[in-house]
Amino acid sequence: RNVPGWERGLRAACGIVLLVVAAALPM
């Protein structure tokens, strides 16, 4: 592991946001 816990949480949140954006926007 080379990513601290707080950054793992931030990465997970950003990943979820990107998946929601992909589902919500007409791309």
mmCIF file of all heavy atoms, coordinates in Angstrom:
data_MODEL
# 
_entry.id   MODEL 
# 
loop_
_atom_site.group_PDB 
_atom_site.id 
_atom_site.type_symbol 
_atom_site.label_atom_id 
_atom_site.label_alt_id 
_atom_site.label_comp_id 
_atom_site.label_asym_id 
_atom_site.label_entity_id 
_atom_site.label_seq_id 
_atom_site.pdbx_PDB_ins_code 
_atom_site.Cartn_x 
_atom_site.Cartn_y 
_atom_site.Cartn_z 
_atom_site.occupancy 
_atom_site.B_iso_or_equiv 
_atom_site.pdbx_formal_charge 
_atom_site.auth_seq_id 
_atom_site.auth_comp_id 
_atom_site.auth_asym_id 
_atom_site.auth_atom_id 
_atom_site.pdbx_PDB_model_num 
ATOM 1   N N   . ARG A 1 1  ? 0.830   -1.206 0.000   1.00 0.00 ? 1  ARG A N   1 
ATOM 2   C CA  . ARG A 1 1  ? 0.000   0.000  0.000   1.00 0.00 ? 1  ARG A CA  1 
ATOM 3   C C   . ARG A 1 1  ? 0.867   1.259  0.000   1.00 0.00 ? 1  ARG A C   1 
ATOM 4   O O   . ARG A 1 1  ? 1.838   1.357  0.734   1.00 0.00 ? 1  ARG A O   1 
ATOM 5   C CB  . ARG A 1 1  ? -0.906  0.012  1.224   1.00 0.00 ? 1  ARG A CB  1 
ATOM 6   C CG  . ARG A 1 1  ? -1.978  -1.020 1.129   1.00 0.00 ? 1  ARG A CG  1 
ATOM 7   C CD  . ARG A 1 1  ? -2.938  -0.895 2.261   1.00 0.00 ? 1  ARG A CD  1 
ATOM 8   N NE  . ARG A 1 1  ? -4.002  -1.873 2.064   1.00 0.00 ? 1  ARG A NE  1 
ATOM 9   C CZ  . ARG A 1 1  ? -4.897  -2.166 2.953   1.00 0.00 ? 1  ARG A CZ  1 
ATOM 10  N NH1 . ARG A 1 1  ? -4.882  -1.567 4.123   1.00 0.00 ? 1  ARG A NH1 1 
ATOM 11  N NH2 . ARG A 1 1  ? -5.815  -3.048 2.701   1.00 0.00 ? 1  ARG A NH2 1 
ATOM 12  N N   . ASN A 1 2  ? 0.485   2.191  -0.845  1.00 0.00 ? 2  ASN A N   1 
ATOM 13  C CA  . ASN A 1 2  ? 1.191   3.466  -0.900  1.00 0.00 ? 2  ASN A CA  1 
ATOM 14  C C   . ASN A 1 2  ? 0.226   4.652  -0.856  1.00 0.00 ? 2  ASN A C   1 
ATOM 15  O O   . ASN A 1 2  ? 0.589   5.763  -1.200  1.00 0.00 ? 2  ASN A O   1 
ATOM 16  C CB  . ASN A 1 2  ? 2.095   3.537  -2.140  1.00 0.00 ? 2  ASN A CB  1 
ATOM 17  C CG  . ASN A 1 2  ? 1.326   3.457  -3.442  1.00 0.00 ? 2  ASN A CG  1 
ATOM 18  O OD1 . ASN A 1 2  ? 0.116   3.301  -3.452  1.00 0.00 ? 2  ASN A OD1 1 
ATOM 19  N ND2 . ASN A 1 2  ? 2.033   3.558  -4.544  1.00 0.00 ? 2  ASN A ND2 1 
ATOM 20  N N   . VAL A 1 3  ? -1.015  4.389  -0.441  1.00 0.00 ? 3  VAL A N   1 
ATOM 21  C CA  . VAL A 1 3  ? -2.028  5.439  -0.353  1.00 0.00 ? 3  VAL A CA  1 
ATOM 22  C C   . VAL A 1 3  ? -2.574  5.439  1.081   1.00 0.00 ? 3  VAL A C   1 
ATOM 23  O O   . VAL A 1 3  ? -3.051  4.412  1.555   1.00 0.00 ? 3  VAL A O   1 
ATOM 24  C CB  . VAL A 1 3  ? -3.177  5.192  -1.359  1.00 0.00 ? 3  VAL A CB  1 
ATOM 25  C CG1 . VAL A 1 3  ? -4.236  6.253  -1.251  1.00 0.00 ? 3  VAL A CG1 1 
ATOM 26  C CG2 . VAL A 1 3  ? -2.632  5.136  -2.779  1.00 0.00 ? 3  VAL A CG2 1 
ATOM 27  N N   . PRO A 1 4  ? -2.499  6.580  1.778   1.00 0.00 ? 4  PRO A N   1 
ATOM 28  C CA  . PRO A 1 4  ? -3.016  6.636  3.154   1.00 0.00 ? 4  PRO A CA  1 
ATOM 29  C C   . PRO A 1 4  ? -4.540  6.518  3.205   1.00 0.00 ? 4  PRO A C   1 
ATOM 30  O O   . PRO A 1 4  ? -5.229  6.683  2.198   1.00 0.00 ? 4  PRO A O   1 
ATOM 31  C CB  . PRO A 1 4  ? -2.550  8.004  3.662   1.00 0.00 ? 4  PRO A CB  1 
ATOM 32  C CG  . PRO A 1 4  ? -2.266  8.809  2.451   1.00 0.00 ? 4  PRO A CG  1 
ATOM 33  C CD  . PRO A 1 4  ? -1.906  7.850  1.364   1.00 0.00 ? 4  PRO A CD  1 
ATOM 34  N N   . GLY A 1 5  ? -5.047  6.240  4.386   1.00 0.00 ? 5  GLY A N   1 
ATOM 35  C CA  . GLY A 1 5  ? -6.475  5.996  4.569   1.00 0.00 ? 5  GLY A CA  1 
ATOM 36  C C   . GLY A 1 5  ? -7.361  7.145  4.137   1.00 0.00 ? 5  GLY A C   1 
ATOM 37  O O   . GLY A 1 5  ? -8.399  6.939  3.495   1.00 0.00 ? 5  GLY A O   1 
ATOM 38  N N   . TRP A 1 6  ? -6.986  8.369  4.484   1.00 0.00 ? 6  TRP A N   1 
ATOM 39  C CA  . TRP A 1 6  ? -7.829  9.511  4.116   1.00 0.00 ? 6  TRP A CA  1 
ATOM 40  C C   . TRP A 1 6  ? -7.889  9.665  2.594   1.00 0.00 ? 6  TRP A C   1 
ATOM 41  O O   . TRP A 1 6  ? -8.925  10.020 2.042   1.00 0.00 ? 6  TRP A O   1 
ATOM 42  C CB  . TRP A 1 6  ? -7.323  10.804 4.767   1.00 0.00 ? 6  TRP A CB  1 
ATOM 43  C CG  . TRP A 1 6  ? -5.983  11.257 4.279   1.00 0.00 ? 6  TRP A CG  1 
ATOM 44  C CD1 . TRP A 1 6  ? -4.773  10.957 4.812   1.00 0.00 ? 6  TRP A CD1 1 
ATOM 45  C CD2 . TRP A 1 6  ? -5.720  12.082 3.136   1.00 0.00 ? 6  TRP A CD2 1 
ATOM 46  N NE1 . TRP A 1 6  ? -3.763  11.537 4.074   1.00 0.00 ? 6  TRP A NE1 1 
ATOM 47  C CE2 . TRP A 1 6  ? -4.326  12.248 3.047   1.00 0.00 ? 6  TRP A CE2 1 
ATOM 48  C CE3 . TRP A 1 6  ? -6.530  12.700 2.186   1.00 0.00 ? 6  TRP A CE3 1 
ATOM 49  C CZ2 . TRP A 1 6  ? -3.718  12.992 2.048   1.00 0.00 ? 6  TRP A CZ2 1 
ATOM 50  C CZ3 . TRP A 1 6  ? -5.921  13.454 1.187   1.00 0.00 ? 6  TRP A CZ3 1 
ATOM 51  C CH2 . TRP A 1 6  ? -4.529  13.595 1.136   1.00 0.00 ? 6  TRP A CH2 1 
ATOM 52  N N   . GLU A 1 7  ? -6.787  9.359  1.917   1.00 0.00 ? 7  GLU A N   1 
ATOM 53  C CA  . GLU A 1 7  ? -6.767  9.487  0.459   1.00 0.00 ? 7  GLU A CA  1 
ATOM 54  C C   . GLU A 1 7  ? -7.554  8.348  -0.194  1.00 0.00 ? 7  GLU A C   1 
ATOM 55  O O   . GLU A 1 7  ? -8.189  8.538  -1.237  1.00 0.00 ? 7  GLU A O   1 
ATOM 56  C CB  . GLU A 1 7  ? -5.331  9.490  -0.055  1.00 0.00 ? 7  GLU A CB  1 
ATOM 57  C CG  . GLU A 1 7  ? -5.236  9.843  -1.521  1.00 0.00 ? 7  GLU A CG  1 
ATOM 58  C CD  . GLU A 1 7  ? -3.808  9.994  -1.995  1.00 0.00 ? 7  GLU A CD  1 
ATOM 59  O OE1 . GLU A 1 7  ? -2.911  10.290 -1.180  1.00 0.00 ? 7  GLU A OE1 1 
ATOM 60  O OE2 . GLU A 1 7  ? -3.585  9.795  -3.199  1.00 0.00 ? 7  GLU A OE2 1 
ATOM 61  N N   . ARG A 1 8  ? -7.549  7.177  0.423   1.00 0.00 ? 8  ARG A N   1 
ATOM 62  C CA  . ARG A 1 8  ? -8.359  6.071  -0.089  1.00 0.00 ? 8  ARG A CA  1 
ATOM 63  C C   . ARG A 1 8  ? -9.838  6.437  -0.046  1.00 0.00 ? 8  ARG A C   1 
ATOM 64  O O   . ARG A 1 8  ? -10.580 6.165  -0.987  1.00 0.00 ? 8  ARG A O   1 
ATOM 65  C CB  . ARG A 1 8  ? -8.103  4.813  0.732   1.00 0.00 ? 8  ARG A CB  1 
ATOM 66  C CG  . ARG A 1 8  ? -6.730  4.229  0.507   1.00 0.00 ? 8  ARG A CG  1 
ATOM 67  C CD  . ARG A 1 8  ? -6.490  3.044  1.391   1.00 0.00 ? 8  ARG A CD  1 
ATOM 68  N NE  . ARG A 1 8  ? -7.283  1.932  0.918   1.00 0.00 ? 8  ARG A NE  1 
ATOM 69  C CZ  . ARG A 1 8  ? -7.418  0.795  1.568   1.00 0.00 ? 8  ARG A CZ  1 
ATOM 70  N NH1 . ARG A 1 8  ? -6.829  0.623  2.730   1.00 0.00 ? 8  ARG A NH1 1 
ATOM 71  N NH2 . ARG A 1 8  ? -8.154  -0.165 1.072   1.00 0.00 ? 8  ARG A NH2 1 
ATOM 72  N N   . GLY A 1 9  ? -10.263 7.057  1.044   1.00 0.00 ? 9  GLY A N   1 
ATOM 73  C CA  . GLY A 1 9  ? -11.655 7.498  1.146   1.00 0.00 ? 9  GLY A CA  1 
ATOM 74  C C   . GLY A 1 9  ? -12.001 8.543  0.113   1.00 0.00 ? 9  GLY A C   1 
ATOM 75  O O   . GLY A 1 9  ? -13.089 8.514  -0.484  1.00 0.00 ? 9  GLY A O   1 
ATOM 76  N N   . LEU A 1 10 ? -11.086 9.474  -0.100  1.00 0.00 ? 10 LEU A N   1 
ATOM 77  C CA  . LEU A 1 10 ? -11.308 10.519 -1.104  1.00 0.00 ? 10 LEU A CA  1 
ATOM 78  C C   . LEU A 1 10 ? -11.365 9.925  -2.515  1.00 0.00 ? 10 LEU A C   1 
ATOM 79  O O   . LEU A 1 10 ? -12.206 10.315 -3.329  1.00 0.00 ? 10 LEU A O   1 
ATOM 80  C CB  . LEU A 1 10 ? -10.207 11.572 -1.007  1.00 0.00 ? 10 LEU A CB  1 
ATOM 81  C CG  . LEU A 1 10 ? -10.370 12.824 -1.835  1.00 0.00 ? 10 LEU A CG  1 
ATOM 82  C CD1 . LEU A 1 10 ? -11.635 13.580 -1.430  1.00 0.00 ? 10 LEU A CD1 1 
ATOM 83  C CD2 . LEU A 1 10 ? -9.155  13.723 -1.657  1.00 0.00 ? 10 LEU A CD2 1 
ATOM 84  N N   . ARG A 1 11 ? -10.492 8.971  -2.796  1.00 0.00 ? 11 ARG A N   1 
ATOM 85  C CA  . ARG A 1 11 ? -10.509 8.312  -4.106  1.00 0.00 ? 11 ARG A CA  1 
ATOM 86  C C   . ARG A 1 11 ? -11.823 7.560  -4.320  1.00 0.00 ? 11 ARG A C   1 
ATOM 87  O O   . ARG A 1 11 ? -12.392 7.588  -5.408  1.00 0.00 ? 11 ARG A O   1 
ATOM 88  C CB  . ARG A 1 11 ? -9.348  7.329  -4.226  1.00 0.00 ? 11 ARG A CB  1 
ATOM 89  C CG  . ARG A 1 11 ? -8.016  7.974  -4.454  1.00 0.00 ? 11 ARG A CG  1 
ATOM 90  C CD  . ARG A 1 11 ? -6.907  6.920  -4.381  1.00 0.00 ? 11 ARG A CD  1 
ATOM 91  N NE  . ARG A 1 11 ? -5.611  7.525  -4.575  1.00 0.00 ? 11 ARG A NE  1 
ATOM 92  C CZ  . ARG A 1 11 ? -4.969  7.557  -5.735  1.00 0.00 ? 11 ARG A CZ  1 
ATOM 93  N NH1 . ARG A 1 11 ? -5.498  6.974  -6.787  1.00 0.00 ? 11 ARG A NH1 1 
ATOM 94  N NH2 . ARG A 1 11 ? -3.808  8.151  -5.848  1.00 0.00 ? 11 ARG A NH2 1 
ATOM 95  N N   . ALA A 1 12 ? -12.290 6.871  -3.283  1.00 0.00 ? 12 ALA A N   1 
ATOM 96  C CA  . ALA A 1 12 ? -13.550 6.129  -3.390  1.00 0.00 ? 12 ALA A CA  1 
ATOM 97  C C   . ALA A 1 12 ? -14.712 7.088  -3.646  1.00 0.00 ? 12 ALA A C   1 
ATOM 98  O O   . ALA A 1 12 ? -15.573 6.824  -4.499  1.00 0.00 ? 12 ALA A O   1 
ATOM 99  C CB  . ALA A 1 12 ? -13.796 5.307  -2.132  1.00 0.00 ? 12 ALA A CB  1 
ATOM 100 N N   . ALA A 1 13 ? -14.743 8.203  -2.922  1.00 0.00 ? 13 ALA A N   1 
ATOM 101 C CA  . ALA A 1 13 ? -15.819 9.178  -3.106  1.00 0.00 ? 13 ALA A CA  1 
ATOM 102 C C   . ALA A 1 13 ? -15.787 9.766  -4.513  1.00 0.00 ? 13 ALA A C   1 
ATOM 103 O O   . ALA A 1 13 ? -16.835 9.890  -5.171  1.00 0.00 ? 13 ALA A O   1 
ATOM 104 C CB  . ALA A 1 13 ? -15.702 10.287 -2.059  1.00 0.00 ? 13 ALA A CB  1 
ATOM 105 N N   . CYS A 1 14 ? -14.606 10.106 -5.017  1.00 0.00 ? 14 CYS A N   1 
ATOM 106 C CA  . CYS A 1 14 ? -14.496 10.661 -6.369  1.00 0.00 ? 14 CYS A CA  1 
ATOM 107 C C   . CYS A 1 14 ? -14.885 9.622  -7.422  1.00 0.00 ? 14 CYS A C   1 
ATOM 108 O O   . CYS A 1 14 ? -15.510 9.963  -8.434  1.00 0.00 ? 14 CYS A O   1 
ATOM 109 C CB  . CYS A 1 14 ? -13.080 11.158 -6.619  1.00 0.00 ? 14 CYS A CB  1 
ATOM 110 S SG  . CYS A 1 14 ? -12.660 12.644 -5.706  1.00 0.00 ? 14 CYS A SG  1 
ATOM 111 N N   . GLY A 1 15 ? -14.528 8.365  -7.203  1.00 0.00 ? 15 GLY A N   1 
ATOM 112 C CA  . GLY A 1 15 ? -14.904 7.306  -8.132  1.00 0.00 ? 15 GLY A CA  1 
ATOM 113 C C   . GLY A 1 15 ? -16.409 7.134  -8.209  1.00 0.00 ? 15 GLY A C   1 
ATOM 114 O O   . GLY A 1 15 ? -16.981 6.983  -9.287  1.00 0.00 ? 15 GLY A O   1 
ATOM 115 N N   . ILE A 1 16 ? -17.067 7.182  -7.039  1.00 0.00 ? 16 ILE A N   1 
ATOM 116 C CA  . ILE A 1 16 ? -18.529 7.064  -7.009  1.00 0.00 ? 16 ILE A CA  1 
ATOM 117 C C   . ILE A 1 16 ? -19.173 8.248  -7.719  1.00 0.00 ? 16 ILE A C   1 
ATOM 118 O O   . ILE A 1 16 ? -20.125 8.090  -8.480  1.00 0.00 ? 16 ILE A O   1 
ATOM 119 C CB  . ILE A 1 16 ? -19.023 6.926  -5.562  1.00 0.00 ? 16 ILE A CB  1 
ATOM 120 C CG1 . ILE A 1 16 ? -18.598 5.562  -5.004  1.00 0.00 ? 16 ILE A CG1 1 
ATOM 121 C CG2 . ILE A 1 16 ? -20.524 7.101  -5.465  1.00 0.00 ? 16 ILE A CG2 1 
ATOM 122 C CD1 . ILE A 1 16 ? -18.796 5.407  -3.517  1.00 0.00 ? 16 ILE A CD1 1 
ATOM 123 N N   . VAL A 1 17 ? -18.633 9.442  -7.490  1.00 0.00 ? 17 VAL A N   1 
ATOM 124 C CA  . VAL A 1 17 ? -19.171 10.640 -8.150  1.00 0.00 ? 17 VAL A CA  1 
ATOM 125 C C   . VAL A 1 17 ? -19.043 10.505 -9.671  1.00 0.00 ? 17 VAL A C   1 
ATOM 126 O O   . VAL A 1 17 ? -19.974 10.826 -10.404 1.00 0.00 ? 17 VAL A O   1 
ATOM 127 C CB  . VAL A 1 17 ? -18.463 11.914 -7.639  1.00 0.00 ? 17 VAL A CB  1 
ATOM 128 C CG1 . VAL A 1 17 ? -18.753 13.101 -8.530  1.00 0.00 ? 17 VAL A CG1 1 
ATOM 129 C CG2 . VAL A 1 17 ? -18.879 12.208 -6.213  1.00 0.00 ? 17 VAL A CG2 1 
ATOM 130 N N   . LEU A 1 18 ? -17.907 10.022 -10.145 1.00 0.00 ? 18 LEU A N   1 
ATOM 131 C CA  . LEU A 1 18 ? -17.743 9.859  -11.595 1.00 0.00 ? 18 LEU A CA  1 
ATOM 132 C C   . LEU A 1 18 ? -18.729 8.850  -12.169 1.00 0.00 ? 18 LEU A C   1 
ATOM 133 O O   . LEU A 1 18 ? -19.276 9.052  -13.265 1.00 0.00 ? 18 LEU A O   1 
ATOM 134 C CB  . LEU A 1 18 ? -16.312 9.431  -11.920 1.00 0.00 ? 18 LEU A CB  1 
ATOM 135 C CG  . LEU A 1 18 ? -15.265 10.531 -11.878 1.00 0.00 ? 18 LEU A CG  1 
ATOM 136 C CD1 . LEU A 1 18 ? -13.872 9.947  -12.117 1.00 0.00 ? 18 LEU A CD1 1 
ATOM 137 C CD2 . LEU A 1 18 ? -15.559 11.604 -12.896 1.00 0.00 ? 18 LEU A CD2 1 
ATOM 138 N N   . LEU A 1 19 ? -18.977 7.768  -11.451 1.00 0.00 ? 19 LEU A N   1 
ATOM 139 C CA  . LEU A 1 19 ? -19.946 6.781  -11.948 1.00 0.00 ? 19 LEU A CA  1 
ATOM 140 C C   . LEU A 1 19 ? -21.365 7.339  -11.951 1.00 0.00 ? 19 LEU A C   1 
ATOM 141 O O   . LEU A 1 19 ? -22.142 7.068  -12.878 1.00 0.00 ? 19 LEU A O   1 
ATOM 142 C CB  . LEU A 1 19 ? -19.873 5.507  -11.101 1.00 0.00 ? 19 LEU A CB  1 
ATOM 143 C CG  . LEU A 1 19 ? -18.568 4.719  -11.221 1.00 0.00 ? 19 LEU A CG  1 
ATOM 144 C CD1 . LEU A 1 19 ? -18.590 3.514  -10.300 1.00 0.00 ? 19 LEU A CD1 1 
ATOM 145 C CD2 . LEU A 1 19 ? -18.306 4.301  -12.651 1.00 0.00 ? 19 LEU A CD2 1 
ATOM 146 N N   . VAL A 1 20 ? -21.707 8.141  -10.947 1.00 0.00 ? 20 VAL A N   1 
ATOM 147 C CA  . VAL A 1 20 ? -23.031 8.775  -10.918 1.00 0.00 ? 20 VAL A CA  1 
ATOM 148 C C   . VAL A 1 20 ? -23.155 9.782  -12.058 1.00 0.00 ? 20 VAL A C   1 
ATOM 149 O O   . VAL A 1 20 ? -24.196 9.854  -12.724 1.00 0.00 ? 20 VAL A O   1 
ATOM 150 C CB  . VAL A 1 20 ? -23.274 9.436  -9.546  1.00 0.00 ? 20 VAL A CB  1 
ATOM 151 C CG1 . VAL A 1 20 ? -24.495 10.330 -9.576  1.00 0.00 ? 20 VAL A CG1 1 
ATOM 152 C CG2 . VAL A 1 20 ? -23.414 8.372  -8.466  1.00 0.00 ? 20 VAL A CG2 1 
ATOM 153 N N   . VAL A 1 21 ? -22.098 10.542 -12.311 1.00 0.00 ? 21 VAL A N   1 
ATOM 154 C CA  . VAL A 1 21 ? -22.117 11.513 -13.409 1.00 0.00 ? 21 VAL A CA  1 
ATOM 155 C C   . VAL A 1 21 ? -22.296 10.784 -14.745 1.00 0.00 ? 21 VAL A C   1 
ATOM 156 O O   . VAL A 1 21 ? -23.060 11.231 -15.603 1.00 0.00 ? 21 VAL A O   1 
ATOM 157 C CB  . VAL A 1 21 ? -20.823 12.356 -13.411 1.00 0.00 ? 21 VAL A CB  1 
ATOM 158 C CG1 . VAL A 1 21 ? -20.621 13.083 -14.725 1.00 0.00 ? 21 VAL A CG1 1 
ATOM 159 C CG2 . VAL A 1 21 ? -20.846 13.347 -12.261 1.00 0.00 ? 21 VAL A CG2 1 
ATOM 160 N N   . ALA A 1 22 ? -21.610 9.656  -14.910 1.00 0.00 ? 22 ALA A N   1 
ATOM 161 C CA  . ALA A 1 22 ? -21.739 8.895  -16.157 1.00 0.00 ? 22 ALA A CA  1 
ATOM 162 C C   . ALA A 1 22 ? -23.165 8.391  -16.347 1.00 0.00 ? 22 ALA A C   1 
ATOM 163 O O   . ALA A 1 22 ? -23.655 8.318  -17.476 1.00 0.00 ? 22 ALA A O   1 
ATOM 164 C CB  . ALA A 1 22 ? -20.763 7.725  -16.164 1.00 0.00 ? 22 ALA A CB  1 
ATOM 165 N N   . ALA A 1 23 ? -23.830 8.047  -15.247 1.00 0.00 ? 23 ALA A N   1 
ATOM 166 C CA  . ALA A 1 23 ? -25.200 7.549  -15.351 1.00 0.00 ? 23 ALA A CA  1 
ATOM 167 C C   . ALA A 1 23 ? -26.206 8.688  -15.536 1.00 0.00 ? 23 ALA A C   1 
ATOM 168 O O   . ALA A 1 23 ? -27.240 8.498  -16.177 1.00 0.00 ? 23 ALA A O   1 
ATOM 169 C CB  . ALA A 1 23 ? -25.560 6.749  -14.099 1.00 0.00 ? 23 ALA A CB  1 
ATOM 170 N N   . ALA A 1 24 ? -25.903 9.861  -14.991 1.00 0.00 ? 24 ALA A N   1 
ATOM 171 C CA  . ALA A 1 24 ? -26.874 10.952 -14.992 1.00 0.00 ? 24 ALA A CA  1 
ATOM 172 C C   . ALA A 1 24 ? -26.807 11.830 -16.245 1.00 0.00 ? 24 ALA A C   1 
ATOM 173 O O   . ALA A 1 24 ? -27.844 12.318 -16.707 1.00 0.00 ? 24 ALA A O   1 
ATOM 174 C CB  . ALA A 1 24 ? -26.677 11.826 -13.753 1.00 0.00 ? 24 ALA A CB  1 
ATOM 175 N N   . LEU A 1 25 ? -25.622 12.049 -16.771 1.00 0.00 ? 25 LEU A N   1 
ATOM 176 C CA  . LEU A 1 25 ? -25.489 12.941 -17.925 1.00 0.00 ? 25 LEU A CA  1 
ATOM 177 C C   . LEU A 1 25 ? -25.656 12.171 -19.231 1.00 0.00 ? 25 LEU A C   1 
ATOM 178 O O   . LEU A 1 25 ? -25.229 11.020 -19.336 1.00 0.00 ? 25 LEU A O   1 
ATOM 179 C CB  . LEU A 1 25 ? -24.130 13.626 -17.909 1.00 0.00 ? 25 LEU A CB  1 
ATOM 180 C CG  . LEU A 1 25 ? -23.899 14.631 -16.788 1.00 0.00 ? 25 LEU A CG  1 
ATOM 181 C CD1 . LEU A 1 25 ? -22.515 15.243 -16.918 1.00 0.00 ? 25 LEU A CD1 1 
ATOM 182 C CD2 . LEU A 1 25 ? -24.943 15.723 -16.800 1.00 0.00 ? 25 LEU A CD2 1 
ATOM 183 N N   . PRO A 1 26 ? -26.246 12.810 -20.217 1.00 0.00 ? 26 PRO A N   1 
ATOM 184 C CA  . PRO A 1 26 ? -26.445 12.130 -21.504 1.00 0.00 ? 26 PRO A CA  1 
ATOM 185 C C   . PRO A 1 26 ? -25.164 12.138 -22.348 1.00 0.00 ? 26 PRO A C   1 
ATOM 186 O O   . PRO A 1 26 ? -25.010 12.947 -23.257 1.00 0.00 ? 26 PRO A O   1 
ATOM 187 C CB  . PRO A 1 26 ? -27.552 12.948 -22.165 1.00 0.00 ? 26 PRO A CB  1 
ATOM 188 C CG  . PRO A 1 26 ? -27.392 14.317 -21.587 1.00 0.00 ? 26 PRO A CG  1 
ATOM 189 C CD  . PRO A 1 26 ? -26.885 14.116 -20.190 1.00 0.00 ? 26 PRO A CD  1 
ATOM 190 N N   . MET A 1 27 ? -24.247 11.243 -22.013 1.00 0.00 ? 27 MET A N   1 
ATOM 191 C CA  . MET A 1 27 ? -22.999 11.129 -22.774 1.00 0.00 ? 27 MET A CA  1 
ATOM 192 C C   . MET A 1 27 ? -23.045 9.858  -23.606 1.00 0.00 ? 27 MET A C   1 
ATOM 193 O O   . MET A 1 27 ? -23.663 8.873  -23.218 1.00 0.00 ? 27 MET A O   1 
ATOM 194 C CB  . MET A 1 27 ? -21.802 11.051 -21.830 1.00 0.00 ? 27 MET A CB  1 
ATOM 195 C CG  . MET A 1 27 ? -21.501 12.316 -21.088 1.00 0.00 ? 27 MET A CG  1 
ATOM 196 S SD  . MET A 1 27 ? -19.971 12.200 -20.176 1.00 0.00 ? 27 MET A SD  1 
ATOM 197 C CE  . MET A 1 27 ? -20.467 11.189 -18.807 1.00 0.00 ? 27 MET A CE  1 
# 
